[in-house]
Amino acid sequence: MKIEFQIDFSRFTLGDYCTLEDAHEDPASVEMRQIRNLLAGQMVDEKGAPVDPIKARKMLSALTMEQLSESQAAFFAKIQEMRQALIPPTSGGA
């Protein structure tokens, strides 16, 4: 199964948000299981349906570190898309 993510606010928890903040502020402070759980909560299947979190965690746990790095990059790209959609660009003019 290809690992894909869809950021869904109905499944995005405060804990998920805190993990993102922690990872941004001090990446060394975030444990790998926190990253795995964060990614698992937003995994979707080929049809875009959420993957059961237990199944998603098992799938992510089986990844090599290289594959995990690729999955994290894809996830954080989705987060960046979400932020850009939520925060309108500033024009710099008054």
C-alpha atoms as a PDB file:
ATOM      1  CA  MET A   1       0.000   0.000   0.000  1.00  0.00           C
ATOM      2  CA  LYS A   2       1.296   3.443  -0.928  1.00  0.00           C
ATOM      3  CA  ILE A   3       1.442   5.784   2.050  1.00  0.00           C
ATOM      4  CA  GLU A   4      -0.532   8.963   1.501  1.00  0.00           C
ATOM      5  CA  PHE A   5      -1.777  11.696   3.798  1.00  0.00           C
ATOM      6  CA  GLN A   6      -4.767  13.982   3.904  1.00  0.00           C
ATOM      7  CA  ILE A   7      -4.894  16.569   6.667  1.00  0.00           C
ATOM      8  CA  ASP A   8      -8.370  16.317   8.147  1.00  0.00           C
ATOM      9  CA  PHE A   9      -9.260  18.663  10.994  1.00  0.00           C
ATOM     10  CA  SER A  10     -11.874  16.206  12.269  1.00  0.00           C
ATOM     11  CA  ARG A  11      -8.982  13.821  13.009  1.00  0.00           C
ATOM     12  CA  PHE A  12      -6.268  16.395  13.812  1.00  0.00           C
ATOM     13  CA  THR A  13      -5.915  16.636  17.584  1.00  0.00           C
ATOM     14  CA  LEU A  14      -4.428  19.192  19.935  1.00  0.00           C
ATOM     15  CA  GLY A  15      -1.727  16.630  20.673  1.00  0.00           C
ATOM     16  CA  ASP A  16      -0.955  16.463  16.942  1.00  0.00           C
ATOM     17  CA  TYR A  17      -0.645  20.233  16.807  1.00  0.00           C
ATOM     18  CA  CYS A  18       1.621  20.285  19.868  1.00  0.00           C
ATOM     19  CA  THR A  19       3.848  17.636  18.274  1.00  0.00           C
ATOM     20  CA  LEU A  20       4.142  19.835  15.174  1.00  0.00           C
ATOM     21  CA  GLU A  21       5.049  22.856  17.292  1.00  0.00           C
ATOM     22  CA  ASP A  22       7.602  20.870  19.287  1.00  0.00           C
ATOM     23  CA  ALA A  23       9.140  19.482  16.088  1.00  0.00           C
ATOM     24  CA  HIS A  24       9.431  22.982  14.685  1.00  0.00           C
ATOM     25  CA  GLU A  25      10.876  24.549  17.846  1.00  0.00           C
ATOM     26  CA  ASP A  26      13.189  21.721  18.940  1.00  0.00           C
ATOM     27  CA  PRO A  27      13.231  18.660  16.655  1.00  0.00           C
ATOM     28  CA  ALA A  28      15.399  16.704  19.099  1.00  0.00           C
ATOM     29  CA  SER A  29      12.669  16.944  21.748  1.00  0.00           C
ATOM     30  CA  VAL A  30      10.166  14.933  19.684  1.00  0.00           C
ATOM     31  CA  GLU A  31      10.197  11.162  20.015  1.00  0.00           C
ATOM     32  CA  MET A  32       9.855   8.989  16.928  1.00  0.00           C
ATOM     33  CA  ARG A  33       6.668   7.405  18.275  1.00  0.00           C
ATOM     34  CA  GLN A  34       5.109  10.880  18.412  1.00  0.00           C
ATOM     35  CA  ILE A  35       5.971  11.419  14.750  1.00  0.00           C
ATOM     36  CA  ARG A  36       4.678   7.944  13.861  1.00  0.00           C
ATOM     37  CA  ASN A  37       1.393   8.587  15.684  1.00  0.00           C
ATOM     38  CA  LEU A  38       1.038  12.003  14.084  1.00  0.00           C
ATOM     39  CA  LEU A  39       1.530  10.537  10.613  1.00  0.00           C
ATOM     40  CA  ALA A  40      -0.739   7.556  11.325  1.00  0.00           C
ATOM     41  CA  GLY A  41      -3.615   9.823  12.301  1.00  0.00           C
ATOM     42  CA  GLN A  42      -3.666  11.437   8.872  1.00  0.00           C
ATOM     43  CA  MET A  43      -3.006   8.428   6.617  1.00  0.00           C
ATOM     44  CA  VAL A  44      -5.503   7.662   3.886  1.00  0.00           C
ATOM     45  CA  ASP A  45      -5.881   4.725   1.521  1.00  0.00           C
ATOM     46  CA  GLU A  46      -5.947   4.803  -2.281  1.00  0.00           C
ATOM     47  CA  LYS A  47      -9.587   5.981  -2.187  1.00  0.00           C
ATOM     48  CA  GLY A  48      -8.861   8.793   0.265  1.00  0.00           C
ATOM     49  CA  ALA A  49     -10.530   7.028   3.196  1.00  0.00           C
ATOM     50  CA  PRO A  50      -8.807   7.188   6.603  1.00  0.00           C
ATOM     51  CA  VAL A  51      -6.635   4.185   7.467  1.00  0.00           C
ATOM     52  CA  ASP A  52      -7.338   2.615  10.869  1.00  0.00           C
ATOM     53  CA  PRO A  53      -4.767   4.199  13.230  1.00  0.00           C
ATOM     54  CA  ILE A  54      -3.548   0.833  14.546  1.00  0.00           C
ATOM     55  CA  LYS A  55      -3.015  -0.472  11.009  1.00  0.00           C
ATOM     56  CA  ALA A  56      -1.374   2.820  10.023  1.00  0.00           C
ATOM     57  CA  ARG A  57       1.040   2.672  12.970  1.00  0.00           C
ATOM     58  CA  LYS A  58       1.991  -0.903  12.051  1.00  0.00           C
ATOM     59  CA  MET A  59       2.609   0.127   8.442  1.00  0.00           C
ATOM     60  CA  LEU A  60       4.720   3.096   9.491  1.00  0.00           C
ATOM     61  CA  SER A  61       6.657   1.009  12.004  1.00  0.00           C
ATOM     62  CA  ALA A  62       7.717  -1.309   9.175  1.00  0.00           C
ATOM     63  CA  LEU A  63       9.294   1.523   7.147  1.00  0.00           C
ATOM     64  CA  THR A  64      13.024   1.895   6.806  1.00  0.00           C
ATOM     65  CA  MET A  65      14.452   5.196   7.991  1.00  0.00           C
ATOM     66  CA  GLU A  66      14.828   6.286   4.364  1.00  0.00           C
ATOM     67  CA  GLN A  67      11.166   5.491   3.664  1.00  0.00           C
ATOM     68  CA  LEU A  68      10.159   7.248   6.871  1.00  0.00           C
ATOM     69  CA  SER A  69      12.065  10.343   5.785  1.00  0.00           C
ATOM     70  CA  GLU A  70      10.190  10.336   2.467  1.00  0.00           C
ATOM     71  CA  SER A  71       6.850   9.872   4.248  1.00  0.00           C
ATOM     72  CA  GLN A  72       7.613  12.676   6.684  1.00  0.00           C
ATOM     73  CA  ALA A  73       8.516  14.983   3.802  1.00  0.00           C
ATOM     74  CA  ALA A  74       5.196  14.194   2.082  1.00  0.00           C
ATOM     75  CA  PHE A  75       3.293  14.771   5.335  1.00  0.00           C
ATOM     76  CA  PHE A  76       4.973  18.098   6.075  1.00  0.00           C
ATOM     77  CA  ALA A  77       4.337  19.214   2.482  1.00  0.00           C
ATOM     78  CA  LYS A  78       0.624  18.600   3.152  1.00  0.00           C
ATOM     79  CA  ILE A  79       0.899  20.611   6.380  1.00  0.00           C
ATOM     80  CA  GLN A  80       2.482  23.480   4.438  1.00  0.00           C
ATOM     81  CA  GLU A  81      -0.349  23.346   1.876  1.00  0.00           C
ATOM     82  CA  MET A  82      -2.860  23.485   4.737  1.00  0.00           C
ATOM     83  CA  ARG A  83      -1.143  26.510   6.302  1.00  0.00           C
ATOM     84  CA  GLN A  84      -1.024  28.353   2.987  1.00  0.00           C
ATOM     85  CA  ALA A  85      -4.726  27.697   2.458  1.00  0.00           C
ATOM     86  CA  LEU A  86      -5.595  28.959   5.952  1.00  0.00           C
ATOM     87  CA  ILE A  87      -3.365  32.035   6.080  1.00  0.00           C
ATOM     88  CA  PRO A  88      -3.949  34.589   3.347  1.00  0.00           C
ATOM     89  CA  PRO A  89      -0.817  36.070   1.808  1.00  0.00           C
ATOM     90  CA  THR A  90       0.143  39.541   2.980  1.00  0.00           C
ATOM     91  CA  SER A  91       0.497  42.217   0.350  1.00  0.00           C
ATOM     92  CA  GLY A  92       2.914  44.435   2.247  1.00  0.00           C
ATOM     93  CA  GLY A  93       0.806  47.483   1.337  1.00  0.00           C
ATOM     94  CA  ALA A  94      -1.458  49.483   3.595  1.00  0.00           C
END
